[in-house]
């Protein structure tokens, strides 16, 4: 007698998916978040023939950007934009708002199976799109490594830039195609590496702006009427050299071990601009570390330099 057949447990139903090949050459796109990034990427996609059909934008600044960059695109609430974006929904909202926006759209039934839901956050990967995946949408993290102003000038800066892309294997061809449509180059970033990737970009770009403006302010304190004219050629050369030569581009009193000069810097900063002193000390210490590791600062010269740098924020030796 044969053994009785065992009843298999019912398979868990998964949302229907649409085969990759059905994604059309011309995508119907919606943009949630008409900030500097969203409006610019929307305009760039429209410029290469994709149908950008809807965007959010209720603030005065967002309305102005939409009028400037996406003048023929209708505006509406995020739920309506998501429903209109039958192929690609681009979510370009602040990092801390992203999870709530995705969850809200999924809960409202605004996302559908097969729809590509992409965000432009550098810090987040695919995990934040889990609510979209749960209803059958395809997740994509697509971060442009560029700073934006929200003006047409941004479009001229897009060709050749890199995009930090995290995508499931089956979506990589589409991700590469989108980046190519935008004139960019994909950099494939692992899910766990997204925060480090984003920290590197923020450290380089955002802190550079702070550093340049700090230098300009201190030149004004020294009586220079147009500090940008003094800084522009120097900083351009320094940036180009750093990108080309790495730590071999290091120059200046820290790299030379000129402890006396650095001590005078600290004394003057403590007197004139004490708010700048902590940043100067931190960057000088890190510069000295890198200069030593690169063989540009000898240990014998580093010792008195570190003695000067080992000070509290008032400039007094610790």
Protein backbone atom coordinates (compact mmCIF):
# COMPACT_ATOMS: atom_id res chain seq x y z
CA UNK A 1 0.00 0.00 0.00
CA UNK A 2 1.39 3.31 -0.98
CA UNK A 3 1.97 5.99 1.58
CA UNK A 4 -0.62 8.78 1.67
CA UNK A 5 0.29 11.97 -0.09
CA UNK A 6 1.28 14.80 2.21
CA UNK A 7 -0.47 18.09 1.71
CA UNK A 8 2.00 20.82 0.91
CA UNK A 9 1.62 24.05 2.84
CA UNK A 10 -0.01 26.78 0.82
CA UNK A 11 2.56 28.94 -0.88
CA UNK A 12 2.69 32.52 0.30
CA UNK A 13 1.27 34.76 -2.38
CA UNK A 14 3.69 37.30 -3.75
CA UNK A 15 2.69 40.47 -5.58
CA UNK A 16 2.58 40.05 -9.33
CA UNK A 17 5.63 41.29 -11.15
CA UNK A 18 6.02 42.57 -14.66
CA UNK A 19 8.76 41.02 -16.83
CA UNK A 20 11.77 43.28 -17.25
CA UNK A 21 11.43 43.25 -21.04
CA UNK A 22 8.07 45.04 -20.82
CA UNK A 23 9.64 48.27 -19.54
CA UNK A 24 9.39 50.60 -22.54
CA UNK A 25 12.16 52.63 -24.14
CA UNK A 26 10.31 55.83 -23.33
CA UNK A 27 9.45 55.86 -19.64
CA UNK A 28 6.48 57.59 -18.06
CA UNK A 29 8.02 59.33 -15.07
CA UNK A 30 6.80 61.09 -11.96
CA UNK A 31 8.94 63.09 -9.54
CA UNK A 32 8.14 63.30 -5.84
CA UNK A 33 10.17 66.15 -4.43
CA UNK A 34 10.72 69.13 -6.71
CA UNK A 35 13.83 70.24 -4.88
CA UNK A 36 17.11 71.02 -6.57
CA UNK A 37 17.91 67.38 -7.36
CA UNK A 38 14.44 66.17 -8.33
CA UNK A 39 13.64 69.08 -10.62
CA UNK A 40 17.01 68.86 -12.35
CA UNK A 41 16.92 65.09 -12.93
CA UNK A 42 13.32 65.34 -14.09
CA UNK A 43 14.30 67.99 -16.62
CA UNK A 44 17.27 65.90 -17.75
CA UNK A 45 15.07 62.83 -18.31
CA UNK A 46 12.55 64.93 -20.23
CA UNK A 47 15.35 66.37 -22.37
CA UNK A 48 16.30 62.89 -23.64
CA UNK A 49 12.73 61.95 -24.50
CA UNK A 50 11.19 60.39 -21.41
CA UNK A 51 7.65 61.49 -20.49
CA UNK A 52 7.78 63.35 -17.19
CA UNK A 53 4.08 63.67 -16.47
CA UNK A 54 3.75 64.86 -12.89
CA UNK A 55 5.65 66.30 -9.96
CA UNK A 56 5.00 67.52 -6.47
CA UNK A 57 5.86 71.05 -5.41
CA UNK A 58 3.77 73.14 -3.05
CA UNK A 59 6.31 75.59 -1.64
CA UNK A 60 7.09 78.80 -3.43
CA UNK A 61 10.65 77.67 -4.16
CA UNK A 62 9.47 74.33 -5.58
CA UNK A 63 6.85 76.00 -7.76
CA UNK A 64 9.51 78.36 -9.13
CA UNK A 65 11.84 75.44 -9.93
CA UNK A 66 9.06 73.50 -11.65
CA UNK A 67 8.11 76.58 -13.70
CA UNK A 68 11.75 77.00 -14.70
CA UNK A 69 12.83 73.40 -15.31
CA UNK A 70 9.58 71.47 -15.89
CA UNK A 71 7.18 74.08 -17.25
CA UNK A 72 4.84 71.62 -19.01
CA UNK A 73 4.60 69.15 -16.12
CA UNK A 74 1.53 69.15 -13.91
CA UNK A 75 1.86 69.49 -10.14
CA UNK A 76 -0.06 67.51 -7.56
CA UNK A 77 0.14 65.60 -4.29
CA UNK A 78 2.60 62.72 -3.99
CA UNK A 79 -0.11 60.04 -4.24
CA UNK A 80 -1.33 61.39 -7.59
CA UNK A 81 2.21 61.73 -8.90
CA UNK A 82 3.00 58.13 -7.94
CA UNK A 83 -0.12 56.83 -9.68
CA UNK A 84 0.67 58.79 -12.84
CA UNK A 85 4.26 57.46 -12.95
CA UNK A 86 3.43 54.14 -14.58
CA UNK A 87 7.06 53.23 -15.31
CA UNK A 88 9.40 55.20 -13.03
CA UNK A 89 8.75 57.08 -9.83
CA UNK A 90 11.70 59.23 -8.79
CA UNK A 91 11.64 60.18 -5.10
CA UNK A 92 13.98 63.07 -4.33
CA UNK A 93 13.20 64.07 -0.75
CA UNK A 94 15.53 64.65 2.23
CA UNK A 95 17.16 61.52 3.65
CA UNK A 96 15.25 61.55 6.92
CA UNK A 97 11.89 61.95 5.13
CA UNK A 98 12.43 59.16 2.61
CA UNK A 99 11.22 56.20 4.66
CA UNK A 100 8.00 57.95 5.61
CA UNK A 101 7.26 58.97 2.02
CA UNK A 102 7.78 55.45 0.67
CA UNK A 103 5.72 53.84 3.42
CA UNK A 104 2.95 56.37 2.94
CA UNK A 105 2.73 55.84 -0.81
CA UNK A 106 2.64 52.08 -0.36
CA UNK A 107 -0.07 52.32 2.30
CA UNK A 108 -2.17 54.55 0.05
CA UNK A 109 -2.02 52.00 -2.77
CA UNK A 110 -0.22 54.50 -5.01
CA UNK A 111 2.52 52.05 -6.06
CA UNK A 112 2.00 49.14 -8.41
CA UNK A 113 3.71 45.89 -9.44
CA UNK A 114 6.45 46.39 -12.02
CA UNK A 115 6.79 50.11 -11.39
CA UNK A 116 10.39 51.18 -10.74
CA UNK A 117 10.61 53.22 -7.55
CA UNK A 118 13.96 55.02 -7.38
CA UNK A 119 15.29 57.42 -4.80
CA UNK A 120 18.17 59.89 -5.06
CA UNK A 121 19.52 59.60 -1.51
CA UNK A 122 23.20 58.88 -1.18
CA UNK A 123 22.91 57.63 2.39
CA UNK A 124 20.15 55.06 1.76
CA UNK A 125 20.20 51.91 -0.32
CA UNK A 126 17.37 49.50 -1.11
CA UNK A 127 16.19 48.69 2.41
CA UNK A 128 14.29 51.96 2.70
CA UNK A 129 12.22 50.91 -0.34
CA UNK A 130 10.98 47.69 1.33
CA UNK A 131 7.34 48.91 1.46
CA UNK A 132 7.45 49.47 -2.30
CA UNK A 133 8.94 46.01 -2.90
CA UNK A 134 6.21 44.47 -0.73
CA UNK A 135 3.59 45.63 -3.24
CA UNK A 136 5.58 44.42 -6.25
CA UNK A 137 7.51 47.55 -7.25
CA UNK A 138 11.17 47.39 -8.27
CA UNK A 139 13.66 49.24 -6.03
CA UNK A 140 16.53 51.42 -7.21
CA UNK A 141 18.94 53.77 -5.41
CA UNK A 142 20.29 56.36 -7.84
CA UNK A 143 22.40 59.12 -6.31
CA UNK A 144 24.07 61.80 -8.47
CA UNK A 145 27.51 62.73 -7.14
CA UNK A 146 27.02 66.43 -7.80
CA UNK A 147 25.94 69.55 -5.98
CA UNK A 148 22.85 71.31 -7.33
CA UNK A 149 21.51 74.87 -7.41
CA UNK A 150 18.06 74.16 -8.89
CA UNK A 151 18.73 76.25 -11.99
CA UNK A 152 19.26 75.36 -15.67
CA UNK A 153 23.01 75.59 -15.03
CA UNK A 154 22.74 72.23 -13.27
CA UNK A 155 21.84 70.50 -16.54
CA UNK A 156 25.16 71.48 -18.10
CA UNK A 157 27.02 69.90 -15.17
CA UNK A 158 25.39 66.47 -15.47
CA UNK A 159 27.35 65.02 -18.43
CA UNK A 160 30.19 62.85 -17.16
CA UNK A 161 29.27 62.82 -13.45
CA UNK A 162 29.08 59.61 -11.44
CA UNK A 163 25.96 58.07 -9.93
CA UNK A 164 26.10 55.88 -6.85
CA UNK A 165 23.81 53.03 -7.87
CA UNK A 166 22.45 50.17 -5.77
CA UNK A 167 20.09 47.84 -7.61
CA UNK A 168 18.97 44.21 -7.62
CA UNK A 169 20.68 42.18 -10.34
CA UNK A 170 17.67 42.10 -12.64
CA UNK A 171 17.37 45.89 -12.55
CA UNK A 172 21.01 46.68 -13.28
CA UNK A 173 20.49 46.96 -17.06
CA UNK A 174 17.74 49.54 -16.56
CA UNK A 175 19.82 51.40 -13.96
CA UNK A 176 22.78 51.55 -16.35
CA UNK A 177 20.47 52.76 -19.12
CA UNK A 178 19.02 55.53 -16.95
CA UNK A 179 22.49 56.71 -15.95
CA UNK A 180 23.54 56.67 -19.61
CA UNK A 181 20.43 58.66 -20.54
CA UNK A 182 21.49 61.24 -17.97
CA UNK A 183 24.99 61.34 -19.48
CA UNK A 184 26.56 59.84 -16.39
CA UNK A 185 28.69 56.91 -15.26
CA UNK A 186 27.40 54.28 -12.78
CA UNK A 187 29.37 53.42 -9.66
CA UNK A 188 27.90 50.23 -8.20
CA UNK A 189 27.69 50.62 -4.41
CA UNK A 190 26.87 47.73 -2.08
CA UNK A 191 23.89 48.12 0.23
CA UNK A 192 26.07 48.10 3.37
CA UNK A 193 28.48 50.63 1.86
CA UNK A 194 25.93 53.39 1.15
CA UNK A 195 26.54 55.34 4.41
CA UNK A 196 30.33 55.31 3.88
CA UNK A 197 29.92 56.32 0.23
CA UNK A 198 27.72 59.22 1.24
CA UNK A 199 29.96 60.25 4.15
CA UNK A 200 32.90 60.49 1.75
CA UNK A 201 31.01 62.76 -0.63
CA UNK A 202 29.62 64.96 2.14
CA UNK A 203 33.05 65.21 3.77
CA UNK A 204 34.59 66.29 0.49
CA UNK A 205 31.94 68.57 -0.98
CA UNK A 206 29.95 70.00 1.93
CA UNK A 207 32.93 70.53 4.18
CA UNK A 208 34.83 72.06 1.27
CA UNK A 209 32.20 74.80 1.07
CA UNK A 210 32.57 75.45 4.79
CA UNK A 211 36.35 75.47 4.53
CA UNK A 212 36.40 77.89 1.59
CA UNK A 213 34.02 80.28 3.32
CA UNK A 214 36.04 80.09 6.54
CA UNK A 215 39.16 81.03 4.59
CA UNK A 216 37.32 83.89 2.90
CA UNK A 217 36.08 85.21 6.24
CA UNK A 218 39.57 85.17 7.74
CA UNK A 219 40.93 87.05 4.71
CA UNK A 220 38.25 89.69 5.24
CA UNK A 221 39.38 89.91 8.86
CA UNK A 222 42.90 90.52 7.52
CA UNK A 223 41.65 93.41 5.38
CA UNK A 224 41.25 91.69 2.00
CA UNK A 225 38.26 93.26 0.24
CA UNK A 226 37.74 90.52 -2.36
CA UNK A 227 38.94 87.24 -0.86
CA UNK A 228 37.45 85.19 -3.70
CA UNK A 229 39.98 86.75 -6.10
CA UNK A 230 42.83 85.67 -3.84
CA UNK A 231 41.45 82.19 -3.18
CA UNK A 232 40.19 81.16 -6.61
CA UNK A 233 43.51 80.40 -8.36
CA UNK A 234 45.07 78.95 -5.21
CA UNK A 235 42.17 76.63 -4.38
CA UNK A 236 41.68 75.50 -7.98
CA UNK A 237 45.35 74.54 -8.17
CA UNK A 238 45.21 72.80 -4.79
CA UNK A 239 42.13 70.78 -5.79
CA UNK A 240 43.57 69.76 -9.14
CA UNK A 241 46.85 68.76 -7.52
CA UNK A 242 45.10 66.79 -4.78
CA UNK A 243 43.01 64.85 -7.29
CA UNK A 244 46.05 64.17 -9.46
CA UNK A 245 48.77 63.61 -6.86
CA UNK A 246 46.98 62.56 -3.67
CA UNK A 247 48.97 63.32 -0.51
CA UNK A 248 51.99 64.30 -2.60
CA UNK A 249 50.10 67.56 -3.24
CA UNK A 250 50.45 68.58 0.42
CA UNK A 251 52.29 71.88 0.93
CA UNK A 252 52.30 74.55 3.61
CA UNK A 253 53.56 74.91 7.17
CA UNK A 254 52.07 71.69 8.56
CA UNK A 255 53.53 69.53 5.79
CA UNK A 256 56.91 71.27 6.31
CA UNK A 257 56.80 70.95 10.09
CA UNK A 258 56.95 74.73 10.63
CA UNK A 259 55.78 74.62 14.24
CA UNK A 260 56.48 78.32 14.86
CA UNK A 261 54.29 79.43 11.98
CA UNK A 262 51.45 77.15 13.06
CA UNK A 263 51.75 78.47 16.63
CA UNK A 264 51.31 82.03 15.36
CA UNK A 265 48.26 80.91 13.37
CA UNK A 266 46.68 79.46 16.51
CA UNK A 267 47.39 82.56 18.58
CA UNK A 268 45.88 84.88 15.97
CA UNK A 269 42.83 82.68 15.41
CA UNK A 270 42.20 82.43 19.15
CA UNK A 271 42.19 86.23 19.30
CA UNK A 272 40.37 87.11 16.08
CA UNK A 273 38.10 84.16 15.24
CA UNK A 274 37.99 81.62 18.08
CA UNK A 275 35.09 79.85 16.33
CA UNK A 276 37.56 78.80 13.59
CA UNK A 277 40.18 77.40 15.97
CA UNK A 278 38.73 73.89 16.56
CA UNK A 279 38.39 73.20 12.83
CA UNK A 280 41.89 74.49 12.12
CA UNK A 281 43.37 72.28 14.86
CA UNK A 282 41.48 69.17 13.70
CA UNK A 283 42.46 69.62 10.06
CA UNK A 284 46.07 70.49 10.92
CA UNK A 285 46.41 67.31 13.02
CA UNK A 286 44.93 65.18 10.23
CA UNK A 287 47.15 66.90 7.67
CA UNK A 288 50.21 66.14 9.78
CA UNK A 289 49.19 62.48 10.09
CA UNK A 290 48.78 62.15 6.34
CA UNK A 291 52.00 64.04 5.62
CA UNK A 292 53.92 61.66 7.90
CA UNK A 293 52.31 58.58 6.34
CA UNK A 294 53.23 59.88 2.87
CA UNK A 295 56.83 60.52 3.91
CA UNK A 296 56.53 64.28 3.44
CA UNK A 297 56.90 65.14 7.14
CA UNK A 298 59.85 63.70 9.04
CA UNK A 299 59.23 62.43 12.58
CA UNK A 300 61.94 64.78 13.91
CA UNK A 301 60.03 67.76 12.47
CA UNK A 302 56.64 66.37 13.49
CA UNK A 303 57.42 66.24 17.20
CA UNK A 304 57.49 70.02 17.85
CA UNK A 305 54.56 70.47 15.47
CA UNK A 306 52.37 68.04 17.41
CA UNK A 307 53.45 69.82 20.60
CA UNK A 308 51.92 73.01 19.18
CA UNK A 309 48.79 71.26 17.97
CA UNK A 310 48.16 69.56 21.31
CA UNK A 311 46.28 72.55 22.62
CA UNK A 312 42.80 73.17 23.83
CA UNK A 313 40.42 75.39 21.90
CA UNK A 314 41.69 78.56 23.55
CA UNK A 315 45.14 78.02 22.08
CA UNK A 316 46.70 77.30 25.47
CA UNK A 317 48.96 74.24 25.73
CA UNK A 318 47.10 71.27 27.23
